[in-house]
Each structure stands twice: as structure tokens, then as C-alpha cells.
Amino acid sequence: MSEESRSADQPPQYPRYAERVLDVAELIPAGRVMTYGDVAEWLEEGGPRQVGRVLALYGGAVPWWRVVRSDGTLLPGHELQALERYRAEGTPLRTASRAAEGHLPRLDMRQARWDGHARG
């Protein structure tokens, strides 16, 4: 079916792997995060780069800010938007040192990381 003939009521069709990644992103509770690698491991398919690619291409409609780098640094180019969402959701952050580029905080991965099982 072409883009033009698709009804406005129908959701877009994504590759199966992309659908699975987006489904996991939607499961992550507010205030919690999973790494790209965590998502791939949870799915038992792909790897961190594949998860990142899916979110880059299709992640705009899901809470993309909840899938993060394992070191807790904010996504380059989206730092301020993500930071605003983390603060609104109460996601644990670590204060940036004065030496940190842009003085942006990092995610506190010990507290914020979600294992994909227990809610909250």
C-alpha cells in the first residue's frame, strides 16, 4: 500500500525488529532508563547499534529518552530536550563537574537503570 492510499487512521508499518524495540521503549517506566544494549539483550536480538538506529529512524512517537548510553551521558544533539524530560519524570541525575563539557549532568545509572521486569 502506498503512503498516499494509506488511511490516516492506520498506524505506520515498521519492520518487525523496529516494532519490538519501540514496544520495549514504551514499557520503560517514567523516571527509569534502559541502555541500548539492555534493550537488545532483553529482545535477544540485535545489538546496541541496531537499537540506536531504530530509535533514530522511528523513535519520535515513543519515550526515546528512556533508552540511553551505558555511561549515562545525554544523547548528543538532544541533551536539553532529554534533560527537560528527565527532570519532569524525576529520573535520577548526577551533578556535572565544572570540568564537564557544557556542565550537563549525567544519568545516575545505578538508580535509574530498569531491568525490564519490576515496575517502577
N, C-alpha and C. Protein backbone atom coordinates (compact mmCIF):
# COMPACT_ATOMS: atom_id res chain seq x y z
N MET A 1 0.84 -1.16 0.00
CA MET A 1 0.00 0.00 0.00
C MET A 1 0.89 1.24 0.00
N SER A 2 0.57 2.17 -0.83
CA SER A 2 1.39 3.39 -0.91
C SER A 2 1.04 4.34 0.22
N GLU A 3 1.95 5.29 0.47
CA GLU A 3 1.72 6.29 1.50
C GLU A 3 0.43 7.07 1.23
N GLU A 4 0.20 7.38 -0.05
CA GLU A 4 -0.96 8.19 -0.40
C GLU A 4 -2.27 7.45 -0.17
N SER A 5 -2.28 6.13 -0.40
CA SER A 5 -3.52 5.38 -0.29
C SER A 5 -3.77 4.87 1.13
N ARG A 6 -2.79 4.99 2.01
CA ARG A 6 -2.98 4.55 3.39
C ARG A 6 -3.91 5.52 4.10
N SER A 7 -4.86 4.98 4.82
CA SER A 7 -5.80 5.80 5.58
C SER A 7 -5.06 6.52 6.70
N ALA A 8 -5.52 7.70 7.04
CA ALA A 8 -4.92 8.46 8.13
C ALA A 8 -5.14 7.77 9.47
N ASP A 9 -6.12 6.86 9.53
CA ASP A 9 -6.43 6.15 10.77
C ASP A 9 -5.49 4.98 11.02
N GLN A 10 -4.78 4.52 10.02
CA GLN A 10 -3.90 3.37 10.17
C GLN A 10 -2.54 3.82 10.69
N PRO A 11 -2.01 3.10 11.69
CA PRO A 11 -0.66 3.44 12.16
C PRO A 11 0.37 3.05 11.10
N PRO A 12 1.53 3.71 11.12
CA PRO A 12 2.56 3.36 10.14
C PRO A 12 3.05 1.93 10.38
N GLN A 13 3.49 1.31 9.32
CA GLN A 13 4.02 -0.06 9.41
C GLN A 13 5.54 0.01 9.51
N TYR A 14 6.10 -0.63 10.55
CA TYR A 14 7.54 -0.65 10.77
C TYR A 14 8.05 -2.06 10.57
N PRO A 15 9.34 -2.19 10.28
CA PRO A 15 9.93 -3.54 10.25
C PRO A 15 9.70 -4.20 11.61
N ARG A 16 9.59 -5.51 11.63
CA ARG A 16 9.27 -6.25 12.86
C ARG A 16 10.26 -5.92 14.01
N TYR A 17 11.55 -5.90 13.72
CA TYR A 17 12.53 -5.60 14.77
C TYR A 17 12.28 -4.20 15.33
N ALA A 18 12.00 -3.24 14.48
CA ALA A 18 11.73 -1.88 14.93
C ALA A 18 10.52 -1.85 15.85
N GLU A 19 9.47 -2.58 15.50
CA GLU A 19 8.28 -2.64 16.35
C GLU A 19 8.62 -3.17 17.73
N ARG A 20 9.47 -4.19 17.78
CA ARG A 20 9.85 -4.78 19.06
C ARG A 20 10.65 -3.78 19.91
N VAL A 21 11.58 -3.08 19.30
CA VAL A 21 12.37 -2.08 20.02
C VAL A 21 11.45 -0.98 20.55
N LEU A 22 10.55 -0.49 19.72
CA LEU A 22 9.64 0.58 20.14
C LEU A 22 8.72 0.11 21.25
N ASP A 23 8.30 -1.14 21.20
CA ASP A 23 7.46 -1.70 22.27
C ASP A 23 8.20 -1.69 23.60
N VAL A 24 9.48 -2.05 23.59
CA VAL A 24 10.27 -2.05 24.83
C VAL A 24 10.41 -0.63 25.35
N ALA A 25 10.69 0.33 24.48
CA ALA A 25 10.82 1.72 24.92
C ALA A 25 9.55 2.19 25.61
N GLU A 26 8.40 1.75 25.14
CA GLU A 26 7.13 2.15 25.75
C GLU A 26 6.90 1.48 27.10
N LEU A 27 7.56 0.36 27.36
CA LEU A 27 7.41 -0.34 28.64
C LEU A 27 8.21 0.29 29.77
N ILE A 28 9.25 1.02 29.44
CA ILE A 28 10.14 1.57 30.46
C ILE A 28 9.37 2.62 31.27
N PRO A 29 9.29 2.41 32.59
CA PRO A 29 8.54 3.37 33.41
C PRO A 29 9.16 4.76 33.42
N ALA A 30 8.34 5.77 33.62
CA ALA A 30 8.83 7.14 33.76
C ALA A 30 9.83 7.19 34.91
N GLY A 31 10.90 7.93 34.71
CA GLY A 31 11.93 8.06 35.73
C GLY A 31 12.96 6.95 35.71
N ARG A 32 12.85 6.02 34.77
CA ARG A 32 13.78 4.90 34.66
C ARG A 32 14.33 4.86 33.23
N VAL A 33 15.44 4.15 33.04
CA VAL A 33 16.07 4.03 31.72
C VAL A 33 16.58 2.61 31.49
N MET A 34 16.77 2.28 30.24
CA MET A 34 17.49 1.07 29.83
C MET A 34 18.54 1.52 28.83
N THR A 35 19.66 0.82 28.79
CA THR A 35 20.68 1.14 27.79
C THR A 35 20.30 0.50 26.46
N TYR A 36 20.94 0.96 25.40
CA TYR A 36 20.72 0.36 24.09
C TYR A 36 21.02 -1.13 24.15
N GLY A 37 22.10 -1.49 24.83
CA GLY A 37 22.47 -2.89 24.99
C GLY A 37 21.47 -3.68 25.81
N ASP A 38 20.91 -3.05 26.86
CA ASP A 38 19.88 -3.71 27.67
C ASP A 38 18.69 -4.09 26.81
N VAL A 39 18.27 -3.18 25.94
CA VAL A 39 17.11 -3.44 25.08
C VAL A 39 17.41 -4.60 24.15
N ALA A 40 18.58 -4.60 23.52
CA ALA A 40 18.95 -5.69 22.62
C ALA A 40 19.00 -7.02 23.37
N GLU A 41 19.57 -7.00 24.57
CA GLU A 41 19.66 -8.21 25.38
C GLU A 41 18.27 -8.69 25.77
N TRP A 42 17.40 -7.78 26.15
CA TRP A 42 16.04 -8.12 26.55
C TRP A 42 15.28 -8.76 25.39
N LEU A 43 15.53 -8.24 24.19
CA LEU A 43 14.88 -8.77 22.98
C LEU A 43 15.53 -10.07 22.49
N GLU A 44 16.78 -10.32 22.97
CA GLU A 44 17.58 -11.45 22.50
C GLU A 44 17.76 -11.40 20.98
N GLU A 45 17.97 -10.16 20.50
CA GLU A 45 18.17 -9.95 19.06
C GLU A 45 18.85 -8.60 18.85
N GLY A 46 19.73 -8.53 17.86
CA GLY A 46 20.40 -7.29 17.53
C GLY A 46 21.42 -6.89 18.57
N GLY A 47 21.83 -5.65 18.51
CA GLY A 47 22.82 -5.12 19.43
C GLY A 47 22.54 -3.66 19.68
N PRO A 48 23.39 -3.01 20.47
CA PRO A 48 23.16 -1.60 20.80
C PRO A 48 23.04 -0.69 19.57
N ARG A 49 23.85 -0.93 18.58
CA ARG A 49 23.79 -0.06 17.38
C ARG A 49 22.48 -0.21 16.63
N GLN A 50 21.97 -1.44 16.56
CA GLN A 50 20.69 -1.66 15.88
C GLN A 50 19.56 -0.98 16.64
N VAL A 51 19.59 -1.07 17.97
CA VAL A 51 18.57 -0.41 18.78
C VAL A 51 18.65 1.10 18.58
N GLY A 52 19.85 1.64 18.60
CA GLY A 52 20.02 3.08 18.38
C GLY A 52 19.52 3.52 17.02
N ARG A 53 19.78 2.71 16.02
CA ARG A 53 19.33 3.04 14.66
C ARG A 53 17.80 3.06 14.57
N VAL A 54 17.17 2.08 15.19
CA VAL A 54 15.70 2.05 15.20
C VAL A 54 15.16 3.31 15.85
N LEU A 55 15.71 3.68 17.00
CA LEU A 55 15.22 4.87 17.69
C LEU A 55 15.49 6.14 16.89
N ALA A 56 16.62 6.18 16.20
CA ALA A 56 16.92 7.35 15.37
C ALA A 56 15.92 7.49 14.22
N LEU A 57 15.52 6.37 13.65
CA LEU A 57 14.61 6.39 12.50
C LEU A 57 13.14 6.50 12.88
N TYR A 58 12.74 5.79 13.94
CA TYR A 58 11.32 5.64 14.23
C TYR A 58 10.91 6.04 15.65
N GLY A 59 11.84 6.49 16.48
CA GLY A 59 11.57 6.67 17.90
C GLY A 59 10.80 7.90 18.32
N GLY A 60 10.45 8.77 17.40
CA GLY A 60 9.80 10.02 17.78
C GLY A 60 8.48 9.87 18.50
N ALA A 61 7.78 8.76 18.31
CA ALA A 61 6.46 8.58 18.91
C ALA A 61 6.50 7.81 20.23
N VAL A 62 7.69 7.42 20.68
CA VAL A 62 7.84 6.67 21.93
C VAL A 62 8.78 7.45 22.85
N PRO A 63 8.86 7.08 24.12
CA PRO A 63 9.77 7.78 25.03
C PRO A 63 11.24 7.42 24.77
N TRP A 64 11.79 7.92 23.68
CA TRP A 64 13.16 7.63 23.23
C TRP A 64 14.20 8.00 24.27
N TRP A 65 13.91 9.02 25.08
CA TRP A 65 14.87 9.50 26.08
C TRP A 65 15.10 8.46 27.19
N ARG A 66 14.28 7.43 27.25
CA ARG A 66 14.46 6.39 28.27
C ARG A 66 15.39 5.27 27.82
N VAL A 67 15.87 5.34 26.59
CA VAL A 67 16.86 4.38 26.10
C VAL A 67 18.14 5.18 25.89
N VAL A 68 19.20 4.79 26.63
CA VAL A 68 20.35 5.67 26.79
C VAL A 68 21.68 4.95 26.60
N ARG A 69 22.74 5.75 26.60
CA ARG A 69 24.11 5.21 26.58
C ARG A 69 24.42 4.61 27.95
N SER A 70 25.25 3.60 27.96
CA SER A 70 25.55 2.90 29.22
C SER A 70 26.33 3.76 30.21
N ASP A 71 27.02 4.80 29.75
CA ASP A 71 27.77 5.64 30.68
C ASP A 71 26.93 6.79 31.25
N GLY A 72 25.68 6.88 30.86
CA GLY A 72 24.78 7.90 31.40
C GLY A 72 24.88 9.26 30.76
N THR A 73 25.73 9.42 29.74
CA THR A 73 25.80 10.72 29.08
C THR A 73 24.55 10.94 28.24
N LEU A 74 24.15 12.19 28.15
CA LEU A 74 22.94 12.53 27.41
C LEU A 74 23.21 12.47 25.91
N LEU A 75 22.18 12.12 25.16
CA LEU A 75 22.29 11.93 23.72
C LEU A 75 22.71 13.23 23.03
N PRO A 76 23.88 13.23 22.37
CA PRO A 76 24.35 14.44 21.69
C PRO A 76 23.32 14.96 20.69
N GLY A 77 23.09 16.25 20.76
CA GLY A 77 22.13 16.89 19.88
C GLY A 77 20.73 16.94 20.46
N HIS A 78 20.48 16.15 21.49
CA HIS A 78 19.17 16.10 22.12
C HIS A 78 19.26 16.28 23.63
N GLU A 79 20.41 16.76 24.11
CA GLU A 79 20.67 16.86 25.53
C GLU A 79 19.63 17.67 26.29
N LEU A 80 19.33 18.85 25.81
CA LEU A 80 18.43 19.73 26.54
C LEU A 80 17.00 19.21 26.54
N GLN A 81 16.56 18.67 25.42
CA GLN A 81 15.22 18.10 25.34
C GLN A 81 15.10 16.90 26.28
N ALA A 82 16.11 16.03 26.27
CA ALA A 82 16.10 14.86 27.15
C ALA A 82 16.18 15.29 28.61
N LEU A 83 17.03 16.24 28.92
CA LEU A 83 17.20 16.71 30.30
C LEU A 83 15.88 17.26 30.85
N GLU A 84 15.17 17.99 30.04
CA GLU A 84 13.87 18.52 30.45
C GLU A 84 12.92 17.37 30.82
N ARG A 85 12.93 16.32 30.02
CA ARG A 85 12.06 15.17 30.29
C ARG A 85 12.51 14.40 31.53
N TYR A 86 13.83 14.23 31.69
CA TYR A 86 14.33 13.54 32.89
C TYR A 86 13.91 14.28 34.15
N ARG A 87 14.04 15.58 34.12
CA ARG A 87 13.68 16.38 35.30
C ARG A 87 12.17 16.29 35.56
N ALA A 88 11.37 16.33 34.53
CA ALA A 88 9.92 16.24 34.69
C ALA A 88 9.50 14.88 35.25
N GLU A 89 10.23 13.82 34.87
CA GLU A 89 9.89 12.47 35.31
C GLU A 89 10.58 12.08 36.61
N GLY A 90 11.50 12.91 37.10
CA GLY A 90 12.21 12.58 38.33
C GLY A 90 13.28 11.52 38.13
N THR A 91 13.83 11.42 36.93
CA THR A 91 14.89 10.46 36.65
C THR A 91 16.15 10.86 37.44
N PRO A 92 16.76 9.93 38.18
CA PRO A 92 17.96 10.27 38.95
C PRO A 92 19.11 10.75 38.06
N LEU A 93 19.66 11.89 38.43
CA LEU A 93 20.77 12.51 37.69
C LEU A 93 21.95 12.71 38.63
N ARG A 94 23.14 12.73 38.03
CA ARG A 94 24.36 13.06 38.77
C ARG A 94 24.77 14.46 38.38
N THR A 95 25.11 15.28 39.34
CA THR A 95 25.54 16.64 39.07
C THR A 95 26.80 16.64 38.24
N ALA A 96 26.83 17.53 37.26
CA ALA A 96 28.01 17.64 36.40
C ALA A 96 29.14 18.35 37.14
N SER A 97 30.35 17.90 36.88
CA SER A 97 31.50 18.61 37.44
C SER A 97 31.74 19.88 36.63
N ARG A 98 32.48 20.78 37.20
CA ARG A 98 32.80 22.02 36.48
C ARG A 98 33.59 21.75 35.21
N ALA A 99 34.30 20.63 35.18
CA ALA A 99 35.11 20.27 34.01
C ALA A 99 34.28 19.62 32.91
N ALA A 100 33.06 19.19 33.24
CA ALA A 100 32.22 18.51 32.25
C ALA A 100 31.83 19.46 31.13
N GLU A 101 31.90 18.95 29.91
CA GLU A 101 31.56 19.77 28.75
C GLU A 101 30.12 20.24 28.86
N GLY A 102 29.91 21.53 28.81
CA GLY A 102 28.59 22.12 28.89
C GLY A 102 27.96 22.05 30.27
N HIS A 103 28.67 21.50 31.23
CA HIS A 103 28.18 21.35 32.61
C HIS A 103 26.85 20.61 32.67
N LEU A 104 26.65 19.67 31.74
CA LEU A 104 25.42 18.89 31.74
C LEU A 104 25.54 17.71 32.69
N PRO A 105 24.48 17.43 33.43
CA PRO A 105 24.53 16.26 34.31
C PRO A 105 24.51 14.97 33.49
N ARG A 106 24.79 13.87 34.15
CA ARG A 106 24.65 12.55 33.56
C ARG A 106 23.53 11.84 34.30
N LEU A 107 23.04 10.80 33.69
CA LEU A 107 22.07 9.95 34.38
C LEU A 107 22.79 9.18 35.48
N ASP A 108 22.14 9.00 36.60
CA ASP A 108 22.68 8.16 37.66
C ASP A 108 22.23 6.73 37.33
N MET A 109 23.09 6.03 36.63
CA MET A 109 22.72 4.71 36.10
C MET A 109 22.43 3.70 37.20
N ARG A 110 23.09 3.81 38.33
CA ARG A 110 22.82 2.86 39.43
C ARG A 110 21.39 2.96 39.91
N GLN A 111 20.86 4.16 39.94
CA GLN A 111 19.50 4.36 40.43
C GLN A 111 18.45 4.34 39.33
N ALA A 112 18.80 4.81 38.14
CA ALA A 112 17.81 4.98 37.08
C ALA A 112 17.60 3.73 36.22
N ARG A 113 18.57 2.83 36.20
CA ARG A 113 18.50 1.69 35.28
C ARG A 113 17.37 0.74 35.66
N TRP A 114 16.59 0.36 34.68
CA TRP A 114 15.46 -0.55 34.84
C TRP A 114 15.84 -1.89 34.24
N ASP A 115 15.51 -2.96 34.94
CA ASP A 115 15.91 -4.29 34.47
C ASP A 115 14.91 -4.93 33.51
N GLY A 116 13.79 -4.27 33.27
CA GLY A 116 12.81 -4.81 32.34
C GLY A 116 11.82 -5.74 32.98
N HIS A 117 11.86 -5.87 34.29
CA HIS A 117 10.95 -6.79 34.94
C HIS A 117 10.06 -6.10 35.97
N ALA A 118 10.64 -5.61 37.03
CA ALA A 118 9.85 -4.96 38.08
C ALA A 118 9.43 -3.57 37.63
N ARG A 119 8.18 -3.24 37.85
CA ARG A 119 7.67 -1.90 37.50
C ARG A 119 8.17 -0.88 38.50
N GLY A 120 8.53 0.31 37.96
CA GLY A 120 8.89 1.43 38.83
C GLY A 120 10.27 1.38 39.40
